PDB file of all heavy atoms in Angstrom:
ATOM      1  N   ASN A   1     -39.883 -53.142  46.976  1.00  0.00           N
ATOM      2  CA  ASN A   1     -40.106 -53.360  48.408  1.00  0.00           C
ATOM      3  C   ASN A   1     -41.573 -53.156  48.776  1.00  0.00           C
ATOM      4  O   ASN A   1     -41.901 -52.494  49.768  1.00  0.00           O
ATOM      5  CB  ASN A   1     -39.203 -52.448  49.243  1.00  0.00           C
ATOM      6  CG  ASN A   1     -37.743 -52.848  49.170  1.00  0.00           C
ATOM      7  OD1 ASN A   1     -37.415 -54.034  49.243  1.00  0.00           O
ATOM      8  ND2 ASN A   1     -36.861 -51.873  49.032  1.00  0.00           N
ATOM      9  N   THR A   2     -42.436 -53.739  47.974  1.00  0.00           N
ATOM     10  CA  THR A   2     -43.873 -53.595  48.142  1.00  0.00           C
ATOM     11  C   THR A   2     -44.542 -54.963  48.116  1.00  0.00           C
ATOM     12  O   THR A   2     -44.180 -55.814  47.304  1.00  0.00           O
ATOM     13  CB  THR A   2     -44.472 -52.704  47.044  1.00  0.00           C
ATOM     14  OG1 THR A   2     -43.857 -51.415  47.085  1.00  0.00           O
ATOM     15  CG2 THR A   2     -45.969 -52.543  47.232  1.00  0.00           C
ATOM     16  N   VAL A   3     -45.519 -55.146  48.991  1.00  0.00           N
ATOM     17  CA  VAL A   3     -46.323 -56.358  49.055  1.00  0.00           C
ATOM     18  C   VAL A   3     -47.771 -55.985  48.768  1.00  0.00           C
ATOM     19  O   VAL A   3     -48.248 -54.939  49.211  1.00  0.00           O
ATOM     20  CB  VAL A   3     -46.189 -57.045  50.419  1.00  0.00           C
ATOM     21  CG1 VAL A   3     -47.144 -58.230  50.531  1.00  0.00           C
ATOM     22  CG2 VAL A   3     -44.757 -57.516  50.623  1.00  0.00           C
ATOM     23  N   TYR A   4     -48.476 -56.850  48.051  1.00  0.00           N
ATOM     24  CA  TYR A   4     -49.841 -56.580  47.641  1.00  0.00           C
ATOM     25  C   TYR A   4     -50.794 -57.632  48.195  1.00  0.00           C
ATOM     26  O   TYR A   4     -50.429 -58.794  48.386  1.00  0.00           O
ATOM     27  CB  TYR A   4     -49.959 -56.569  46.121  1.00  0.00           C
ATOM     28  CG  TYR A   4     -49.016 -55.605  45.449  1.00  0.00           C
ATOM     29  CD1 TYR A   4     -47.799 -56.036  44.931  1.00  0.00           C
ATOM     30  CD2 TYR A   4     -49.335 -54.256  45.344  1.00  0.00           C
ATOM     31  CE1 TYR A   4     -46.931 -55.156  44.320  1.00  0.00           C
ATOM     32  CE2 TYR A   4     -48.472 -53.369  44.733  1.00  0.00           C
ATOM     33  CZ  TYR A   4     -47.268 -53.816  44.218  1.00  0.00           C
ATOM     34  OH  TYR A   4     -46.414 -52.929  43.612  1.00  0.00           O
ATOM     35  N   LEU A   5     -52.015 -57.210  48.440  1.00  0.00           N
ATOM     36  CA  LEU A   5     -53.094 -58.115  48.804  1.00  0.00           C
ATOM     37  C   LEU A   5     -54.241 -57.879  47.831  1.00  0.00           C
ATOM     38  O   LEU A   5     -54.937 -56.866  47.925  1.00  0.00           O
ATOM     39  CB  LEU A   5     -53.555 -57.881  50.250  1.00  0.00           C
ATOM     40  CG  LEU A   5     -54.747 -58.726  50.719  1.00  0.00           C
ATOM     41  CD1 LEU A   5     -54.403 -60.210  50.695  1.00  0.00           C
ATOM     42  CD2 LEU A   5     -55.192 -58.291  52.115  1.00  0.00           C
ATOM     43  N   GLN A   6     -54.409 -58.791  46.882  1.00  0.00           N
ATOM     44  CA  GLN A   6     -55.500 -58.722  45.932  1.00  0.00           C
ATOM     45  C   GLN A   6     -56.706 -59.429  46.525  1.00  0.00           C
ATOM     46  O   GLN A   6     -56.630 -60.612  46.861  1.00  0.00           O
ATOM     47  CB  GLN A   6     -55.105 -59.373  44.604  1.00  0.00           C
ATOM     48  CG  GLN A   6     -56.208 -59.398  43.556  1.00  0.00           C
ATOM     49  CD  GLN A   6     -56.558 -58.020  43.055  1.00  0.00           C
ATOM     50  OE1 GLN A   6     -55.669 -57.229  42.727  1.00  0.00           O
ATOM     51  NE2 GLN A   6     -57.849 -57.712  42.993  1.00  0.00           N
ATOM     52  N   MET A   7     -57.813 -58.726  46.648  1.00  0.00           N
ATOM     53  CA  MET A   7     -59.018 -59.252  47.271  1.00  0.00           C
ATOM     54  C   MET A   7     -60.131 -59.281  46.228  1.00  0.00           C
ATOM     55  O   MET A   7     -60.546 -58.232  45.723  1.00  0.00           O
ATOM     56  CB  MET A   7     -59.424 -58.406  48.470  1.00  0.00           C
ATOM     57  CG  MET A   7     -58.322 -58.260  49.512  1.00  0.00           C
ATOM     58  SD  MET A   7     -58.870 -57.374  50.990  1.00  0.00           S
ATOM     59  CE  MET A   7     -59.185 -55.754  50.276  1.00  0.00           C
ATOM     60  N   ASN A   8     -60.610 -60.472  45.919  1.00  0.00           N
ATOM     61  CA  ASN A   8     -61.695 -60.662  44.964  1.00  0.00           C
ATOM     62  C   ASN A   8     -62.904 -61.270  45.657  1.00  0.00           C
ATOM     63  O   ASN A   8     -62.800 -61.831  46.745  1.00  0.00           O
ATOM     64  CB  ASN A   8     -61.249 -61.567  43.818  1.00  0.00           C
ATOM     65  CG  ASN A   8     -60.088 -61.011  43.029  1.00  0.00           C
ATOM     66  OD1 ASN A   8     -59.987 -59.804  42.818  1.00  0.00           O
ATOM     67  ND2 ASN A   8     -59.204 -61.896  42.565  1.00  0.00           N
ATOM     68  N   SER A   9     -64.050 -61.186  45.000  1.00  0.00           N
ATOM     69  CA  SER A   9     -65.295 -61.757  45.523  1.00  0.00           C
ATOM     70  C   SER A   9     -65.531 -61.342  46.963  1.00  0.00           C
ATOM     71  O   SER A   9     -65.842 -62.160  47.833  1.00  0.00           O
ATOM     72  CB  SER A   9     -65.267 -63.284  45.397  1.00  0.00           C
ATOM     73  OG  SER A   9     -65.094 -63.680  44.055  1.00  0.00           O
ATOM     74  N   LEU A  10     -65.405 -60.060  47.223  1.00  0.00           N
ATOM     75  CA  LEU A  10     -65.490 -59.555  48.589  1.00  0.00           C
ATOM     76  C   LEU A  10     -66.886 -59.737  49.169  1.00  0.00           C
ATOM     77  O   LEU A  10     -67.891 -59.622  48.468  1.00  0.00           O
ATOM     78  CB  LEU A  10     -65.083 -58.089  48.634  1.00  0.00           C
ATOM     79  CG  LEU A  10     -63.572 -57.857  48.552  1.00  0.00           C
ATOM     80  CD1 LEU A  10     -63.259 -56.421  48.166  1.00  0.00           C
ATOM     81  CD2 LEU A  10     -62.915 -58.207  49.883  1.00  0.00           C
ATOM     82  N   LYS A  11     -66.913 -60.020  50.464  1.00  0.00           N
ATOM     83  CA  LYS A  11     -68.135 -60.241  51.217  1.00  0.00           C
ATOM     84  C   LYS A  11     -68.238 -59.222  52.340  1.00  0.00           C
ATOM     85  O   LYS A  11     -67.226 -58.691  52.792  1.00  0.00           O
ATOM     86  CB  LYS A  11     -68.141 -61.655  51.815  1.00  0.00           C
ATOM     87  CG  LYS A  11     -67.930 -62.770  50.809  1.00  0.00           C
ATOM     88  CD  LYS A  11     -67.806 -64.111  51.514  1.00  0.00           C
ATOM     89  CE  LYS A  11     -67.573 -65.233  50.524  1.00  0.00           C
ATOM     90  NZ  LYS A  11     -67.448 -66.542  51.212  1.00  0.00           N
ATOM     91  N   PRO A  12     -69.444 -58.946  52.831  1.00  0.00           N
ATOM     92  CA  PRO A  12     -69.574 -58.013  53.951  1.00  0.00           C
ATOM     93  C   PRO A  12     -68.722 -58.398  55.161  1.00  0.00           C
ATOM     94  O   PRO A  12     -68.221 -57.508  55.858  1.00  0.00           O
ATOM     95  CB  PRO A  12     -71.068 -58.068  54.282  1.00  0.00           C
ATOM     96  CG  PRO A  12     -71.709 -58.384  52.972  1.00  0.00           C
ATOM     97  CD  PRO A  12     -70.756 -59.335  52.293  1.00  0.00           C
ATOM     98  N   GLU A  13     -68.546 -59.688  55.404  1.00  0.00           N
ATOM     99  CA  GLU A  13     -67.742 -60.119  56.536  1.00  0.00           C
ATOM    100  C   GLU A  13     -66.254 -59.852  56.360  1.00  0.00           C
ATOM    101  O   GLU A  13     -65.473 -60.052  57.295  1.00  0.00           O
ATOM    102  CB  GLU A  13     -67.975 -61.608  56.847  1.00  0.00           C
ATOM    103  CG  GLU A  13     -67.848 -62.517  55.640  1.00  0.00           C
ATOM    104  CD  GLU A  13     -69.192 -62.849  55.010  1.00  0.00           C
ATOM    105  OE1 GLU A  13     -70.015 -61.933  54.826  1.00  0.00           O
ATOM    106  OE2 GLU A  13     -69.426 -64.034  54.698  1.00  0.00           O
ATOM    107  N   ASP A  14     -65.827 -59.408  55.177  1.00  0.00           N
ATOM    108  CA  ASP A  14     -64.449 -58.985  54.965  1.00  0.00           C
ATOM    109  C   ASP A  14     -64.202 -57.560  55.456  1.00  0.00           C
ATOM    110  O   ASP A  14     -63.050 -57.107  55.460  1.00  0.00           O
ATOM    111  CB  ASP A  14     -64.070 -59.075  53.484  1.00  0.00           C
ATOM    112  CG  ASP A  14     -64.075 -60.496  52.952  1.00  0.00           C
ATOM    113  OD1 ASP A  14     -63.593 -61.406  53.659  1.00  0.00           O
ATOM    114  OD2 ASP A  14     -64.558 -60.701  51.818  1.00  0.00           O
ATOM    115  N   THR A  15     -65.246 -56.855  55.836  1.00  0.00           N
ATOM    116  CA  THR A  15     -65.110 -55.490  56.327  1.00  0.00           C
ATOM    117  C   THR A  15     -64.237 -55.462  57.574  1.00  0.00           C
ATOM    118  O   THR A  15     -64.511 -56.164  58.548  1.00  0.00           O
ATOM    119  CB  THR A  15     -66.481 -54.887  56.632  1.00  0.00           C
ATOM    120  OG1 THR A  15     -67.236 -54.784  55.422  1.00  0.00           O
ATOM    121  CG2 THR A  15     -66.344 -53.500  57.245  1.00  0.00           C
ATOM    122  N   ALA A  16     -63.176 -54.662  57.548  1.00  0.00           N
ATOM    123  CA  ALA A  16     -62.234 -54.588  58.653  1.00  0.00           C
ATOM    124  C   ALA A  16     -61.164 -53.554  58.323  1.00  0.00           C
ATOM    125  O   ALA A  16     -61.090 -53.048  57.203  1.00  0.00           O
ATOM    126  CB  ALA A  16     -61.566 -55.953  58.899  1.00  0.00           C
ATOM    127  N   VAL A  17     -60.338 -53.252  59.314  1.00  0.00           N
ATOM    128  CA  VAL A  17     -59.104 -52.529  59.074  1.00  0.00           C
ATOM    129  C   VAL A  17     -58.025 -53.559  58.777  1.00  0.00           C
ATOM    130  O   VAL A  17     -57.836 -54.503  59.547  1.00  0.00           O
ATOM    131  CB  VAL A  17     -58.696 -51.650  60.265  1.00  0.00           C
ATOM    132  CG1 VAL A  17     -57.361 -50.964  59.997  1.00  0.00           C
ATOM    133  CG2 VAL A  17     -59.774 -50.611  60.547  1.00  0.00           C
ATOM    134  N   TYR A  18     -57.328 -53.384  57.674  1.00  0.00           N
ATOM    135  CA  TYR A  18     -56.305 -54.325  57.251  1.00  0.00           C
ATOM    136  C   TYR A  18     -54.919 -53.759  57.551  1.00  0.00           C
ATOM    137  O   TYR A  18     -54.620 -52.603  57.220  1.00  0.00           O
ATOM    138  CB  TYR A  18     -56.438 -54.623  55.755  1.00  0.00           C
ATOM    139  CG  TYR A  18     -57.578 -55.559  55.446  1.00  0.00           C
ATOM    140  CD1 TYR A  18     -58.891 -55.130  55.563  1.00  0.00           C
ATOM    141  CD2 TYR A  18     -57.340 -56.881  55.072  1.00  0.00           C
ATOM    142  CE1 TYR A  18     -59.942 -55.992  55.307  1.00  0.00           C
ATOM    143  CE2 TYR A  18     -58.387 -57.746  54.803  1.00  0.00           C
ATOM    144  CZ  TYR A  18     -59.686 -57.297  54.933  1.00  0.00           C
ATOM    145  OH  TYR A  18     -60.726 -58.163  54.674  1.00  0.00           O
ATOM    146  N   TYR A  19     -54.079 -54.577  58.176  1.00  0.00           N
ATOM    147  CA  TYR A  19     -52.739 -54.195  58.581  1.00  0.00           C
ATOM    148  C   TYR A  19     -51.717 -55.129  57.946  1.00  0.00           C
ATOM    149  O   TYR A  19     -51.974 -56.315  57.760  1.00  0.00           O
ATOM    150  CB  TYR A  19     -52.562 -54.298  60.095  1.00  0.00           C
ATOM    151  CG  TYR A  19     -53.485 -53.440  60.923  1.00  0.00           C
ATOM    152  CD1 TYR A  19     -54.724 -53.920  61.333  1.00  0.00           C
ATOM    153  CD2 TYR A  19     -53.113 -52.162  61.314  1.00  0.00           C
ATOM    154  CE1 TYR A  19     -55.569 -53.147  62.105  1.00  0.00           C
ATOM    155  CE2 TYR A  19     -53.947 -51.378  62.082  1.00  0.00           C
ATOM    156  CZ  TYR A  19     -55.178 -51.881  62.479  1.00  0.00           C
ATOM    157  OH  TYR A  19     -56.003 -51.114  63.244  1.00  0.00           O
ATOM    158  N   CYS A  20     -50.534 -54.595  57.662  1.00  0.00           N
ATOM    159  CA  CYS A  20     -49.419 -55.451  57.278  1.00  0.00           C
ATOM    160  C   CYS A  20     -48.321 -55.359  58.327  1.00  0.00           C
ATOM    161  O   CYS A  20     -48.171 -54.352  59.023  1.00  0.00           O
ATOM    162  CB  CYS A  20     -48.871 -55.109  55.889  1.00  0.00           C
ATOM    163  SG  CYS A  20     -48.214 -53.445  55.667  1.00  0.00           S
ATOM    164  N   ASN A  21     -47.583 -56.439  58.454  1.00  0.00           N
ATOM    165  CA  ASN A  21     -46.499 -56.555  59.422  1.00  0.00           C
ATOM    166  C   ASN A  21     -45.354 -57.310  58.781  1.00  0.00           C
ATOM    167  O   ASN A  21     -45.566 -58.264  58.045  1.00  0.00           O
ATOM    168  CB  ASN A  21     -46.988 -57.305  60.672  1.00  0.00           C
ATOM    169  CG  ASN A  21     -45.849 -57.737  61.570  1.00  0.00           C
ATOM    170  OD1 ASN A  21     -45.325 -58.847  61.441  1.00  0.00           O
ATOM    171  ND2 ASN A  21     -45.458 -56.865  62.484  1.00  0.00           N
ATOM    172  N   THR A  22     -44.141 -56.872  59.059  1.00  0.00           N
ATOM    173  CA  THR A  22     -42.974 -57.606  58.592  1.00  0.00           C
ATOM    174  C   THR A  22     -42.068 -57.943  59.760  1.00  0.00           C
ATOM    175  O   THR A  22     -41.982 -57.182  60.730  1.00  0.00           O
ATOM    176  CB  THR A  22     -42.191 -56.831  57.525  1.00  0.00           C
ATOM    177  OG1 THR A  22     -41.120 -57.635  57.023  1.00  0.00           O
ATOM    178  CG2 THR A  22     -41.602 -55.538  58.092  1.00  0.00           C
ATOM    179  N   ASN A  23     -41.408 -59.081  59.654  1.00  0.00           N
ATOM    180  CA  ASN A  23     -40.506 -59.482  60.724  1.00  0.00           C
ATOM    181  C   ASN A  23     -39.207 -58.682  60.726  1.00  0.00           C
ATOM    182  O   ASN A  23     -38.578 -58.536  61.774  1.00  0.00           O
ATOM    183  CB  ASN A  23     -40.203 -60.983  60.622  1.00  0.00           C
ATOM    184  CG  ASN A  23     -39.398 -61.332  59.379  1.00  0.00           C
ATOM    185  OD1 ASN A  23     -39.643 -60.807  58.296  1.00  0.00           O
ATOM    186  ND2 ASN A  23     -38.449 -62.244  59.534  1.00  0.00           N
ATOM    187  N   ARG A  24     -38.837 -58.141  59.557  1.00  0.00           N
ATOM    188  CA  ARG A  24     -37.552 -57.442  59.484  1.00  0.00           C
ATOM    189  C   ARG A  24     -37.534 -56.480  58.317  1.00  0.00           C
ATOM    190  O   ARG A  24     -37.976 -56.809  57.219  1.00  0.00           O
ATOM    191  CB  ARG A  24     -36.397 -58.441  59.344  1.00  0.00           C
ATOM    192  CG  ARG A  24     -35.013 -57.808  59.295  1.00  0.00           C
ATOM    193  CD  ARG A  24     -33.936 -58.868  59.084  1.00  0.00           C
ATOM    194  NE  ARG A  24     -32.594 -58.307  59.071  1.00  0.00           N
ATOM    195  CZ  ARG A  24     -31.491 -58.994  58.827  1.00  0.00           C
ATOM    196  NH1 ARG A  24     -31.571 -60.306  58.592  1.00  0.00           N
ATOM    197  NH2 ARG A  24     -30.315 -58.401  58.827  1.00  0.00           N
ATOM    198  N   VAL A  25     -37.012 -55.272  58.559  1.00  0.00           N
ATOM    199  CA  VAL A  25     -36.707 -54.301  57.523  1.00  0.00           C
ATOM    200  C   VAL A  25     -35.211 -54.022  57.579  1.00  0.00           C
ATOM    201  O   VAL A  25     -34.679 -53.668  58.631  1.00  0.00           O
ATOM    202  CB  VAL A  25     -37.484 -52.985  57.707  1.00  0.00           C
ATOM    203  CG1 VAL A  25     -37.045 -51.968  56.660  1.00  0.00           C
ATOM    204  CG2 VAL A  25     -38.981 -53.231  57.612  1.00  0.00           C
TER     205      VAL A  25
END
């Protein structure tokens, strides 16, 4: 029950707070 976000070739403009959301649990 886990989702992943693999981020490669990161750029300064990728700087942010990252959130996940699901429609249903």
